[in-house]
Amino acid sequence: MPVEAPVRSRLDRDRIVEALLEIGIEGFSMHSLARRLGVSATALYRHFESREALLAAAMDHFCARVARPTSEAWDIYLEELAVNFRSALLEMPGAADYASAIGPASEQAFALVEGALAVLRGAGFAPREAWIAYVFVIHHTIHSVQRQERFEALNRQRGPKPYRVLELGSAERERFPSLAAALPALDLDFERSFQTSLTFVIDGLRAEQRRQANRSPSKR
């Protein structure tokens, strides 16, 4: 039976990035990643000059894995992109915080943005409005994942007594009747909340596009 080659001999940039994508970037360190790969941190630095360089490479691979929408309709394209982007973020803990802090900063990230902007420009959006539309949708998606991850982290800290949202006593219900009436409609279905609010975002962009289209040429 052939003997499997040691992990050390198979170590390269792609393997390191794949391992980081598997564990997520939340709280990641070069030492913890090295332990997972069965090597020393020094071995990682032979392939990446710094932790930041490795993170940038990981986010580049991450963006390449986000499924690109196929629709030519700008609104459907943005909806599909948001859903695909959210799924990818949830598979890589900490990626939402990193993406929020850094923004698009790699070739694959630029390609993701370029694809969306090209569709929006083809639908008649001016460059500035196309960028704003893209940012609204992506920021909404990132925020939804951050909210879910932080809530789940809070519940892990609390242990057997899960955290609950907006519990009102009887006196508070009397003082805040509108809030009390809204509470039954609230839940912690993050997927449904994301989809509902995404619909509001896209509807708002549709309304703005109609408004822009109805402006007279002299006012454009």
C-alpha atoms as a PDB file:
ATOM      1  CA  MET A   1       0.000   0.000   0.000  1.00  0.00           C
ATOM      2  CA  PRO A   2       1.506   3.372  -0.985  1.00  0.00           C
ATOM      3  CA  VAL A   3       2.379   5.669   1.871  1.00  0.00           C
ATOM      4  CA  GLU A   4       0.565   9.012   1.813  1.00  0.00           C
ATOM      5  CA  ALA A   5       2.915  11.932   1.345  1.00  0.00           C
ATOM      6  CA  PRO A   6       3.317  14.208   4.378  1.00  0.00           C
ATOM      7  CA  VAL A   7       1.141  17.298   4.482  1.00  0.00           C
ATOM      8  CA  ARG A   8       4.274  19.450   4.528  1.00  0.00           C
ATOM      9  CA  SER A   9       5.290  18.306   1.040  1.00  0.00           C
ATOM     10  CA  ARG A  10       1.903  19.268  -0.387  1.00  0.00           C
ATOM     11  CA  LEU A  11       1.836  22.754   1.073  1.00  0.00           C
ATOM     12  CA  ASP A  12       1.403  25.543  -1.460  1.00  0.00           C
ATOM     13  CA  ARG A  13      -0.470  28.834  -1.725  1.00  0.00           C
ATOM     14  CA  ASP A  14      -3.712  27.221  -2.908  1.00  0.00           C
ATOM     15  CA  ARG A  15      -3.726  24.656  -0.078  1.00  0.00           C
ATOM     16  CA  ILE A  16      -3.145  27.376   2.504  1.00  0.00           C
ATOM     17  CA  VAL A  17      -5.949  29.527   1.119  1.00  0.00           C
ATOM     18  CA  GLU A  18      -8.312  26.543   0.933  1.00  0.00           C
ATOM     19  CA  ALA A  19      -7.634  25.742   4.589  1.00  0.00           C
ATOM     20  CA  LEU A  20      -8.381  29.331   5.580  1.00  0.00           C
ATOM     21  CA  LEU A  21     -11.615  29.298   3.589  1.00  0.00           C
ATOM     22  CA  GLU A  22     -12.612  26.100   5.390  1.00  0.00           C
ATOM     23  CA  ILE A  23     -12.170  27.501   8.882  1.00  0.00           C
ATOM     24  CA  GLY A  24     -13.234  31.075   8.155  1.00  0.00           C
ATOM     25  CA  ILE A  25     -11.351  34.234   8.966  1.00  0.00           C
ATOM     26  CA  GLU A  26     -13.051  35.078  12.255  1.00  0.00           C
ATOM     27  CA  GLY A  27     -10.339  35.147  14.896  1.00  0.00           C
ATOM     28  CA  PHE A  28      -7.884  33.482  12.547  1.00  0.00           C
ATOM     29  CA  SER A  29      -4.142  33.626  13.206  1.00  0.00           C
ATOM     30  CA  MET A  30      -1.162  32.312  11.275  1.00  0.00           C
ATOM     31  CA  HIS A  31      -0.352  29.979  14.186  1.00  0.00           C
ATOM     32  CA  SER A  32      -3.862  28.458  14.349  1.00  0.00           C
ATOM     33  CA  LEU A  33      -3.902  27.940  10.597  1.00  0.00           C
ATOM     34  CA  ALA A  34      -0.432  26.381  10.712  1.00  0.00           C
ATOM     35  CA  ARG A  35      -1.597  23.924  13.376  1.00  0.00           C
ATOM     36  CA  ARG A  36      -4.529  22.925  11.199  1.00  0.00           C
ATOM     37  CA  LEU A  37      -2.174  22.242   8.299  1.00  0.00           C
ATOM     38  CA  GLY A  38       0.338  20.418  10.463  1.00  0.00           C
ATOM     39  CA  VAL A  39       3.154  22.852   9.747  1.00  0.00           C
ATOM     40  CA  SER A  40       4.887  25.742  11.454  1.00  0.00           C
ATOM     41  CA  ALA A  41       3.839  29.357  11.035  1.00  0.00           C
ATOM     42  CA  THR A  42       7.207  29.928   9.406  1.00  0.00           C
ATOM     43  CA  ALA A  43       6.154  27.595   6.577  1.00  0.00           C
ATOM     44  CA  LEU A  44       3.154  29.815   5.875  1.00  0.00           C
ATOM     45  CA  TYR A  45       5.312  32.908   5.698  1.00  0.00           C
ATOM     46  CA  ARG A  46       7.354  31.262   2.949  1.00  0.00           C
ATOM     47  CA  HIS A  47       4.225  31.536   0.777  1.00  0.00           C
ATOM     48  CA  PHE A  48       2.647  34.741   2.157  1.00  0.00           C
ATOM     49  CA  GLU A  49       4.665  37.646   3.454  1.00  0.00           C
ATOM     50  CA  SER A  50       2.042  38.638   6.018  1.00  0.00           C
ATOM     51  CA  ARG A  51      -1.317  37.766   7.546  1.00  0.00           C
ATOM     52  CA  GLU A  52      -2.862  40.579   5.516  1.00  0.00           C
ATOM     53  CA  ALA A  53      -1.482  39.154   2.260  1.00  0.00           C
ATOM     54  CA  LEU A  54      -3.028  35.782   3.074  1.00  0.00           C
ATOM     55  CA  LEU A  55      -6.370  37.385   3.930  1.00  0.00           C
ATOM     56  CA  ALA A  56      -6.350  39.273   0.641  1.00  0.00           C
ATOM     57  CA  ALA A  57      -5.671  36.057  -1.270  1.00  0.00           C
ATOM     58  CA  ALA A  58      -8.450  34.277   0.617  1.00  0.00           C
ATOM     59  CA  MET A  59     -10.966  37.013  -0.181  1.00  0.00           C
ATOM     60  CA  ASP A  60      -9.913  36.869  -3.824  1.00  0.00           C
ATOM     61  CA  HIS A  61     -10.694  33.134  -3.884  1.00  0.00           C
ATOM     62  CA  PHE A  62     -13.889  33.802  -1.953  1.00  0.00           C
ATOM     63  CA  CYS A  63     -15.141  36.295  -4.543  1.00  0.00           C
ATOM     64  CA  ALA A  64     -14.298  33.872  -7.327  1.00  0.00           C
ATOM     65  CA  ARG A  65     -16.563  31.285  -5.669  1.00  0.00           C
ATOM     66  CA  VAL A  66     -19.630  33.546  -5.592  1.00  0.00           C
ATOM     67  CA  ALA A  67     -21.964  32.239  -8.294  1.00  0.00           C
ATOM     68  CA  ARG A  68     -22.594  34.861 -10.967  1.00  0.00           C
ATOM     69  CA  PRO A  69     -26.238  35.498 -11.926  1.00  0.00           C
ATOM     70  CA  THR A  70     -27.292  34.699 -15.477  1.00  0.00           C
ATOM     71  CA  SER A  71     -30.266  37.041 -15.841  1.00  0.00           C
ATOM     72  CA  GLU A  72     -29.914  40.101 -18.066  1.00  0.00           C
ATOM     73  CA  ALA A  73     -32.672  41.913 -16.154  1.00  0.00           C
ATOM     74  CA  TRP A  74     -30.874  44.235 -13.718  1.00  0.00           C
ATOM     75  CA  ASP A  75     -33.299  43.764 -10.820  1.00  0.00           C
ATOM     76  CA  ILE A  76     -33.291  39.975 -11.018  1.00  0.00           C
ATOM     77  CA  TYR A  77     -29.517  40.049 -11.432  1.00  0.00           C
ATOM     78  CA  LEU A  78     -29.084  42.044  -8.217  1.00  0.00           C
ATOM     79  CA  GLU A  79     -31.478  39.790  -6.301  1.00  0.00           C
ATOM     80  CA  GLU A  80     -29.624  36.658  -7.417  1.00  0.00           C
ATOM     81  CA  LEU A  81     -26.254  38.236  -6.694  1.00  0.00           C
ATOM     82  CA  ALA A  82     -27.358  39.158  -3.168  1.00  0.00           C
ATOM     83  CA  VAL A  83     -28.619  35.629  -2.476  1.00  0.00           C
ATOM     84  CA  ASN A  84     -25.444  34.032  -3.855  1.00  0.00           C
ATOM     85  CA  PHE A  85     -23.192  36.468  -2.011  1.00  0.00           C
ATOM     86  CA  ARG A  86     -25.001  35.847   1.264  1.00  0.00           C
ATOM     87  CA  SER A  87     -24.681  32.076   0.881  1.00  0.00           C
ATOM     88  CA  ALA A  88     -20.943  32.415   0.304  1.00  0.00           C
ATOM     89  CA  LEU A  89     -20.525  34.720   3.308  1.00  0.00           C
ATOM     90  CA  LEU A  90     -22.338  32.296   5.603  1.00  0.00           C
ATOM     91  CA  GLU A  91     -19.981  29.512   4.531  1.00  0.00           C
ATOM     92  CA  MET A  92     -16.948  31.565   5.616  1.00  0.00           C
ATOM     93  CA  PRO A  93     -17.361  32.928   9.168  1.00  0.00           C
ATOM     94  CA  GLY A  94     -15.908  36.391   9.539  1.00  0.00           C
ATOM     95  CA  ALA A  95     -15.935  37.169   5.820  1.00  0.00           C
ATOM     96  CA  ALA A  96     -18.804  39.629   6.224  1.00  0.00           C
ATOM     97  CA  ASP A  97     -16.882  41.725   8.752  1.00  0.00           C
ATOM     98  CA  TYR A  98     -13.774  41.646   6.572  1.00  0.00           C
ATOM     99  CA  ALA A  99     -15.693  42.572   3.419  1.00  0.00           C
ATOM    100  CA  SER A 100     -17.387  45.425   5.253  1.00  0.00           C
ATOM    101  CA  ALA A 101     -14.088  46.819   6.523  1.00  0.00           C
ATOM    102  CA  ILE A 102     -11.987  46.381   3.378  1.00  0.00           C
ATOM    103  CA  GLY A 103     -14.450  46.573   0.475  1.00  0.00           C
ATOM    104  CA  PRO A 104     -13.565  45.308  -3.008  1.00  0.00           C
ATOM    105  CA  ALA A 105      -9.768  45.065  -3.031  1.00  0.00           C
ATOM    106  CA  SER A 106      -8.774  42.227  -5.346  1.00  0.00           C
ATOM    107  CA  GLU A 107      -9.079  41.216  -8.989  1.00  0.00           C
ATOM    108  CA  GLN A 108     -11.922  38.774  -8.368  1.00  0.00           C
ATOM    109  CA  ALA A 109     -13.744  41.357  -6.239  1.00  0.00           C
ATOM    110  CA  PHE A 110     -13.358  43.871  -9.047  1.00  0.00           C
ATOM    111  CA  ALA A 111     -14.765  41.284 -11.475  1.00  0.00           C
ATOM    112  CA  LEU A 112     -17.785  40.780  -9.205  1.00  0.00           C
ATOM    113  CA  VAL A 113     -18.447  44.512  -9.140  1.00  0.00           C
ATOM    114  CA  GLU A 114     -17.791  44.911 -12.862  1.00  0.00           C
ATOM    115  CA  GLY A 115     -20.383  42.262 -13.751  1.00  0.00           C
ATOM    116  CA  ALA A 116     -23.093  43.982 -11.726  1.00  0.00           C
ATOM    117  CA  LEU A 117     -22.234  47.464 -12.968  1.00  0.00           C
ATOM    118  CA  ALA A 118     -22.225  46.298 -16.596  1.00  0.00           C
ATOM    119  CA  VAL A 119     -25.765  44.955 -16.212  1.00  0.00           C
ATOM    120  CA  LEU A 120     -26.935  48.146 -14.507  1.00  0.00           C
ATOM    121  CA  ARG A 121     -25.297  50.368 -17.106  1.00  0.00           C
ATOM    122  CA  GLY A 122     -26.918  48.280 -19.835  1.00  0.00           C
ATOM    123  CA  ALA A 123     -30.281  48.950 -18.193  1.00  0.00           C
ATOM    124  CA  GLY A 124     -29.747  52.694 -18.430  1.00  0.00           C
ATOM    125  CA  PHE A 125     -28.290  53.518 -15.019  1.00  0.00           C
ATOM    126  CA  ALA A 126     -25.761  56.348 -15.035  1.00  0.00           C
ATOM    127  CA  PRO A 127     -22.329  55.388 -13.618  1.00  0.00           C
ATOM    128  CA  ARG A 128     -22.955  56.993 -10.227  1.00  0.00           C
ATOM    129  CA  GLU A 129     -26.453  55.530  -9.861  1.00  0.00           C
ATOM    130  CA  ALA A 130     -25.215  52.084 -10.941  1.00  0.00           C
ATOM    131  CA  TRP A 131     -22.538  52.170  -8.260  1.00  0.00           C
ATOM    132  CA  ILE A 132     -25.006  53.296  -5.588  1.00  0.00           C
ATOM    133  CA  ALA A 133     -27.469  50.549  -6.552  1.00  0.00           C
ATOM    134  CA  TYR A 134     -24.756  47.913  -6.302  1.00  0.00           C
ATOM    135  CA  VAL A 135     -23.524  49.234  -2.959  1.00  0.00           C
ATOM    136  CA  PHE A 136     -27.029  49.321  -1.470  1.00  0.00           C
ATOM    137  CA  VAL A 137     -27.628  45.677  -2.304  1.00  0.00           C
ATOM    138  CA  ILE A 138     -24.208  44.413  -1.224  1.00  0.00           C
ATOM    139  CA  HIS A 139     -24.175  46.412   2.017  1.00  0.00           C
ATOM    140  CA  HIS A 140     -27.644  45.100   2.835  1.00  0.00           C
ATOM    141  CA  THR A 141     -26.400  41.560   2.246  1.00  0.00           C
ATOM    142  CA  ILE A 142     -23.273  41.998   4.350  1.00  0.00           C
ATOM    143  CA  HIS A 143     -25.248  43.573   7.197  1.00  0.00           C
ATOM    144  CA  SER A 144     -27.757  40.708   7.226  1.00  0.00           C
ATOM    145  CA  VAL A 145     -24.939  38.177   7.660  1.00  0.00           C
ATOM    146  CA  GLN A 146     -23.189  40.255  10.332  1.00  0.00           C
ATOM    147  CA  ARG A 147     -26.437  40.476  12.296  1.00  0.00           C
ATOM    148  CA  GLN A 148     -27.002  36.733  12.074  1.00  0.00           C
ATOM    149  CA  GLU A 149     -23.426  35.831  13.023  1.00  0.00           C
ATOM    150  CA  ARG A 150     -23.381  38.204  16.000  1.00  0.00           C
ATOM    151  CA  PHE A 151     -26.718  36.937  17.269  1.00  0.00           C
ATOM    152  CA  GLU A 152     -25.542  33.336  16.993  1.00  0.00           C
ATOM    153  CA  ALA A 153     -22.287  34.212  18.772  1.00  0.00           C
ATOM    154  CA  LEU A 154     -24.251  35.875  21.573  1.00  0.00           C
ATOM    155  CA  ASN A 155     -26.397  32.783  22.011  1.00  0.00           C
ATOM    156  CA  ARG A 156     -23.297  30.575  22.152  1.00  0.00           C
ATOM    157  CA  GLN A 157     -21.999  32.752  24.983  1.00  0.00           C
ATOM    158  CA  ARG A 158     -25.267  32.562  26.884  1.00  0.00           C
ATOM    159  CA  GLY A 159     -25.343  28.791  26.787  1.00  0.00           C
ATOM    160  CA  PRO A 160     -28.628  27.003  27.618  1.00  0.00           C
ATOM    161  CA  LYS A 161     -30.592  30.237  28.107  1.00  0.00           C
ATOM    162  CA  PRO A 162     -30.863  31.714  24.584  1.00  0.00           C
ATOM    163  CA  TYR A 163     -31.068  35.414  23.988  1.00  0.00           C
ATOM    164  CA  ARG A 164     -34.490  36.715  23.033  1.00  0.00           C
ATOM    165  CA  VAL A 165     -35.381  39.934  21.277  1.00  0.00           C
ATOM    166  CA  LEU A 166     -37.777  42.666  22.409  1.00  0.00           C
ATOM    167  CA  GLU A 167     -39.502  41.129  25.393  1.00  0.00           C
ATOM    168  CA  LEU A 168     -42.019  43.612  26.816  1.00  0.00           C
ATOM    169  CA  GLY A 169     -43.677  43.439  30.171  1.00  0.00           C
ATOM    170  CA  SER A 170     -47.335  44.325  30.605  1.00  0.00           C
ATOM    171  CA  ALA A 171     -46.541  47.894  31.674  1.00  0.00           C
ATOM    172  CA  GLU A 172     -44.247  48.336  28.689  1.00  0.00           C
ATOM    173  CA  ARG A 173     -46.912  47.020  26.339  1.00  0.00           C
ATOM    174  CA  GLU A 174     -49.241  49.722  27.589  1.00  0.00           C
ATOM    175  CA  ARG A 175     -46.600  52.428  27.148  1.00  0.00           C
ATOM    176  CA  PHE A 176     -45.542  51.237  23.671  1.00  0.00           C
ATOM    177  CA  PRO A 177     -48.717  49.883  22.048  1.00  0.00           C
ATOM    178  CA  SER A 178     -47.492  50.148  18.445  1.00  0.00           C
ATOM    179  CA  LEU A 179     -44.339  48.220  19.275  1.00  0.00           C
ATOM    180  CA  ALA A 180     -46.351  45.609  21.164  1.00  0.00           C
ATOM    181  CA  ALA A 181     -48.663  45.187  18.177  1.00  0.00           C
ATOM    182  CA  ALA A 182     -45.692  44.637  15.883  1.00  0.00           C
ATOM    183  CA  LEU A 183     -43.958  42.037  18.057  1.00  0.00           C
ATOM    184  CA  PRO A 184     -45.991  39.006  16.882  1.00  0.00           C
ATOM    185  CA  ALA A 185     -44.736  39.679  13.354  1.00  0.00           C
ATOM    186  CA  LEU A 186     -41.101  39.612  14.469  1.00  0.00           C
ATOM    187  CA  ASP A 187     -39.072  36.434  14.435  1.00  0.00           C
ATOM    188  CA  LEU A 188     -35.488  35.293  14.147  1.00  0.00           C
ATOM    189  CA  ASP A 189     -35.814  33.767  10.707  1.00  0.00           C
ATOM    190  CA  PHE A 190     -32.793  35.546   9.269  1.00  0.00           C
ATOM    191  CA  GLU A 191     -33.303  34.125   5.811  1.00  0.00           C
ATOM    192  CA  ARG A 192     -36.877  35.408   5.592  1.00  0.00           C
ATOM    193  CA  SER A 193     -35.896  38.772   7.050  1.00  0.00           C
ATOM    194  CA  PHE A 194     -33.135  39.100   4.456  1.00  0.00           C
ATOM    195  CA  GLN A 195     -35.450  38.230   1.572  1.00  0.00           C
ATOM    196  CA  THR A 196     -38.161  40.627   2.723  1.00  0.00           C
ATOM    197  CA  SER A 197     -35.839  43.581   3.198  1.00  0.00           C
ATOM    198  CA  LEU A 198     -34.040  42.787  -0.076  1.00  0.00           C
ATOM    199  CA  THR A 199     -37.395  43.128  -1.820  1.00  0.00           C
ATOM    200  CA  PHE A 200     -37.773  46.601  -0.290  1.00  0.00           C
ATOM    201  CA  VAL A 201     -34.296  47.582  -1.504  1.00  0.00           C
ATOM    202  CA  ILE A 202     -34.919  46.366  -5.063  1.00  0.00           C
ATOM    203  CA  ASP A 203     -38.365  47.995  -5.159  1.00  0.00           C
ATOM    204  CA  GLY A 204     -36.793  51.284  -4.111  1.00  0.00           C
ATOM    205  CA  LEU A 205     -34.216  50.998  -6.897  1.00  0.00           C
ATOM    206  CA  ARG A 206     -36.964  50.262  -9.420  1.00  0.00           C
ATOM    207  CA  ALA A 207     -38.814  53.389  -8.303  1.00  0.00           C
ATOM    208  CA  GLU A 208     -35.652  55.472  -8.619  1.00  0.00           C
ATOM    209  CA  GLN A 209     -34.985  54.110 -12.106  1.00  0.00           C
ATOM    210  CA  ARG A 210     -38.516  55.068 -13.179  1.00  0.00           C
ATOM    211  CA  ARG A 211     -38.018  58.524 -11.712  1.00  0.00           C
ATOM    212  CA  GLN A 212     -34.760  58.959 -13.606  1.00  0.00           C
ATOM    213  CA  ALA A 213     -36.375  57.732 -16.837  1.00  0.00           C
ATOM    214  CA  ASN A 214     -39.215  60.233 -16.484  1.00  0.00           C
ATOM    215  CA  ARG A 215     -36.934  63.217 -16.058  1.00  0.00           C
ATOM    216  CA  SER A 216     -36.817  65.509 -19.036  1.00  0.00           C
ATOM    217  CA  PRO A 217     -33.532  65.523 -20.990  1.00  0.00           C
ATOM    218  CA  SER A 218     -32.922  69.149 -20.029  1.00  0.00           C
ATOM    219  CA  LYS A 219     -32.872  68.173 -16.337  1.00  0.00           C
ATOM    220  CA  ARG A 220     -30.512  65.215 -16.712  1.00  0.00           C
END
